[in-house]
Amino acid sequence: MLSIFKDIEDVRTIKIEEFENQIEQWSKQHNIKSREVLNELTDENFDDYSHYKHHIDYMLLNALFISAFSLFENYLNRIAELAYKELRPVIKISDIKGNGELDTCRKYLNIVCGIKCTNSDFREWQEIIQYKAIRNSIVHNGSILNKAEKENLEKIQGYSLIKKYKIWHSPSIVY
């Protein structure tokens, strides 16, 4: 996935340079400042430039993050299904109630299948819950992690990872 981001980043750089070169040429041809050229752009041209200059990184990183998290959820679900088929326990995955599908699979693997590393007390599962909060903020809240506008940011699910990995953010929004 990182290679996809790098490829898009390269395309982004090329597009921005092309666009800025066109502005510079047009500016010289018409003997006006580059800033004034921006005012003359059509909405379509300005939108293209704006997307490459300001939005594509945000959109791509969010898409890659959501895709990676989705792959993880599907993988965990598949493991739970394979465990059920192999072990043939009395309790089915659908008999377990959790906080969403991810938690249901985790509980099933922990309680029914006895896989100790799926215990919710494990540090890795606590981190997965943080990633889930970030994923949910992107998908359901327009990237707003602190929708309730809590003052103590450290208590907000996902905030510690944003801080740890230096993801660009404001107190209320994940970018």
Protein backbone atom coordinates (compact mmCIF):
# COMPACT_ATOMS: atom_id res chain seq x y z
CA MET A 1 0.00 0.00 0.00
CA LEU A 2 2.91 2.31 0.64
CA SER A 3 4.05 1.85 -2.95
CA ILE A 4 0.58 2.92 -4.11
CA PHE A 5 0.89 6.07 -2.03
CA LYS A 6 4.39 6.75 -3.40
CA ASP A 7 3.15 6.30 -6.98
CA ILE A 8 0.26 8.69 -6.42
CA GLU A 9 2.57 11.14 -4.69
CA ASP A 10 4.80 11.12 -7.79
CA VAL A 11 1.80 11.71 -10.07
CA ARG A 12 0.62 14.49 -7.76
CA THR A 13 4.00 16.24 -7.93
CA ILE A 14 4.07 16.01 -11.73
CA LYS A 15 0.52 17.36 -12.07
CA ILE A 16 1.20 20.29 -9.73
CA GLU A 17 4.43 21.15 -11.54
CA GLU A 18 2.67 20.97 -14.94
CA PHE A 19 -0.12 23.17 -13.72
CA GLU A 20 2.19 25.72 -12.12
CA ASN A 21 4.34 25.80 -15.29
CA GLN A 22 1.22 26.48 -17.35
CA ILE A 23 0.29 29.33 -15.02
CA GLU A 24 3.80 30.78 -15.30
CA GLN A 25 3.75 30.55 -19.12
CA TRP A 26 0.30 32.08 -19.36
CA SER A 27 1.40 34.82 -16.96
CA LYS A 28 4.42 35.68 -19.10
CA GLN A 29 2.41 35.59 -22.34
CA HIS A 30 -0.21 37.95 -20.97
CA ASN A 31 2.18 40.07 -18.95
CA ILE A 32 0.34 39.62 -15.65
CA LYS A 33 1.33 38.19 -12.27
CA SER A 34 0.85 34.48 -11.58
CA ARG A 35 -1.51 35.32 -8.73
CA GLU A 36 -3.79 37.15 -11.16
CA VAL A 37 -3.82 34.09 -13.43
CA LEU A 38 -5.39 32.08 -10.61
CA ASN A 39 -8.34 34.49 -10.65
CA GLU A 40 -8.78 33.84 -14.39
CA LEU A 41 -8.92 30.05 -14.10
CA THR A 42 -12.08 28.17 -14.90
CA ASP A 43 -13.68 26.36 -11.99
CA GLU A 44 -12.71 23.03 -13.53
CA ASN A 45 -9.03 23.97 -13.84
CA PHE A 46 -8.95 25.42 -10.36
CA ASP A 47 -10.65 22.31 -8.94
CA ASP A 48 -8.10 20.03 -10.63
CA TYR A 49 -5.21 22.08 -9.27
CA SER A 50 -6.77 22.30 -5.82
CA HIS A 51 -7.35 18.55 -5.64
CA TYR A 52 -3.76 17.74 -6.53
CA LYS A 53 -2.28 20.51 -4.38
CA HIS A 54 -4.41 20.11 -1.24
CA HIS A 55 -6.69 17.08 -1.16
CA ILE A 56 -5.28 13.99 -2.86
CA ASP A 57 -2.95 13.02 0.01
CA TYR A 58 -5.80 13.23 2.50
CA MET A 59 -8.18 11.27 0.28
CA LEU A 60 -5.62 8.60 -0.60
CA LEU A 61 -4.35 8.08 2.94
CA ASN A 62 -7.91 7.76 4.22
CA ALA A 63 -8.76 5.27 1.46
CA LEU A 64 -5.64 3.21 2.15
CA PHE A 65 -6.28 3.23 5.89
CA ILE A 66 -9.91 2.16 5.46
CA SER A 67 -8.89 -0.55 3.00
CA ALA A 68 -6.18 -1.89 5.31
CA PHE A 69 -8.55 -1.95 8.27
CA SER A 70 -11.21 -3.66 6.17
CA LEU A 71 -8.71 -6.32 5.10
CA PHE A 72 -7.86 -6.91 8.75
CA GLU A 73 -11.55 -7.24 9.68
CA ASN A 74 -12.13 -9.69 6.82
CA TYR A 75 -9.03 -11.66 7.76
CA LEU A 76 -10.12 -11.96 11.40
CA ASN A 77 -13.63 -12.96 10.33
CA ARG A 78 -12.16 -15.63 8.03
CA ILE A 79 -10.00 -16.99 10.87
CA ALA A 80 -13.09 -17.25 13.09
CA GLU A 81 -15.00 -19.05 10.32
CA LEU A 82 -12.10 -21.47 9.74
CA ALA A 83 -11.82 -22.12 13.49
CA TYR A 84 -15.53 -22.90 13.62
CA LYS A 85 -15.29 -25.33 10.69
CA GLU A 86 -12.21 -27.03 12.13
CA LEU A 87 -13.24 -27.24 15.81
CA ARG A 88 -17.00 -27.72 15.32
CA PRO A 89 -17.94 -26.20 18.68
CA VAL A 90 -21.55 -26.02 19.86
CA ILE A 91 -21.38 -22.23 19.95
CA LYS A 92 -21.48 -20.47 16.57
CA ILE A 93 -20.00 -17.10 15.76
CA SER A 94 -23.52 -15.67 15.43
CA ASP A 95 -24.23 -16.76 19.04
CA ILE A 96 -21.63 -14.32 20.34
CA LYS A 97 -22.54 -10.68 20.88
CA GLY A 98 -19.81 -8.09 20.70
CA ASN A 99 -19.34 -4.43 20.02
CA GLY A 100 -19.45 -4.87 16.25
CA GLU A 101 -18.23 -7.66 14.00
CA LEU A 102 -14.59 -7.22 14.91
CA ASP A 103 -15.27 -7.58 18.63
CA THR A 104 -17.61 -10.52 18.00
CA CYS A 105 -14.87 -12.39 16.12
CA ARG A 106 -12.35 -11.51 18.82
CA LYS A 107 -14.64 -12.78 21.57
CA TYR A 108 -15.40 -15.96 19.61
CA LEU A 109 -11.71 -16.72 19.06
CA ASN A 110 -10.95 -15.97 22.71
CA ILE A 111 -13.85 -17.57 24.55
CA VAL A 112 -14.87 -20.44 22.27
CA CYS A 113 -11.59 -21.28 20.56
CA GLY A 114 -9.32 -20.47 23.51
CA ILE A 115 -6.91 -18.27 21.56
CA LYS A 116 -5.28 -16.28 24.35
CA CYS A 117 -3.90 -13.42 22.23
CA THR A 118 -7.47 -12.39 21.38
CA ASN A 119 -8.16 -11.41 24.98
CA SER A 120 -9.32 -7.79 25.10
CA ASP A 121 -6.76 -7.05 27.83
CA PHE A 122 -3.87 -7.51 25.41
CA ARG A 123 -2.14 -4.26 24.46
CA GLU A 124 -2.50 -5.12 20.76
CA TRP A 125 -6.28 -5.37 21.07
CA GLN A 126 -6.39 -2.05 22.86
CA GLU A 127 -4.49 -0.56 19.92
CA ILE A 128 -6.88 -2.20 17.43
CA ILE A 129 -9.78 -0.52 19.26
CA GLN A 130 -7.97 2.80 18.77
CA TYR A 131 -7.58 2.11 15.04
CA LYS A 132 -11.25 1.21 14.85
CA ALA A 133 -12.15 4.59 16.41
CA ILE A 134 -10.03 6.36 13.79
CA ARG A 135 -11.61 4.28 11.01
CA ASN A 136 -15.08 5.08 12.29
CA SER A 137 -14.31 8.79 12.51
CA ILE A 138 -13.16 8.79 8.88
CA VAL A 139 -16.10 6.75 7.58
CA HIS A 140 -18.95 8.04 9.72
CA ASN A 141 -17.95 11.48 11.04
CA GLY A 142 -16.07 13.22 8.25
CA SER A 143 -12.78 12.51 10.07
CA ILE A 144 -13.94 14.20 13.25
CA LEU A 145 -12.53 12.11 16.07
CA ASN A 146 -13.68 14.39 18.88
CA LYS A 147 -17.31 14.79 17.89
CA ALA A 148 -18.40 15.26 21.50
CA GLU A 149 -15.75 18.01 21.85
CA LYS A 150 -14.21 16.54 24.98
CA GLU A 151 -11.61 18.77 26.57
CA ASN A 152 -9.30 15.95 27.68
CA LEU A 153 -8.05 14.71 24.31
CA GLU A 154 -6.16 11.79 25.89
CA LYS A 155 -9.51 10.17 26.78
CA ILE A 156 -10.68 10.15 23.15
CA GLN A 157 -10.45 6.74 21.47
CA GLY A 158 -7.81 6.92 18.75
CA TYR A 159 -6.17 10.15 19.86
CA SER A 160 -3.14 8.45 21.42
CA LEU A 161 -2.29 6.78 18.08
CA ILE A 162 -2.71 10.02 16.16
CA LYS A 163 -0.31 11.65 18.59
CA LYS A 164 2.10 8.68 18.66
CA TYR A 165 2.41 8.45 14.88
CA LYS A 166 2.29 12.23 14.36
CA ILE A 167 -0.73 12.14 12.08
CA TRP A 168 -1.64 15.69 11.14
CA HIS A 169 -4.65 16.71 13.20
CA SER A 170 -6.39 19.41 15.06
CA PRO A 171 -7.95 18.77 18.48
CA SER A 172 -11.19 17.71 16.83
CA ILE A 173 -10.26 16.38 13.39
CA VAL A 174 -8.12 13.56 11.98
CA TYR A 175 -6.55 14.39 8.60
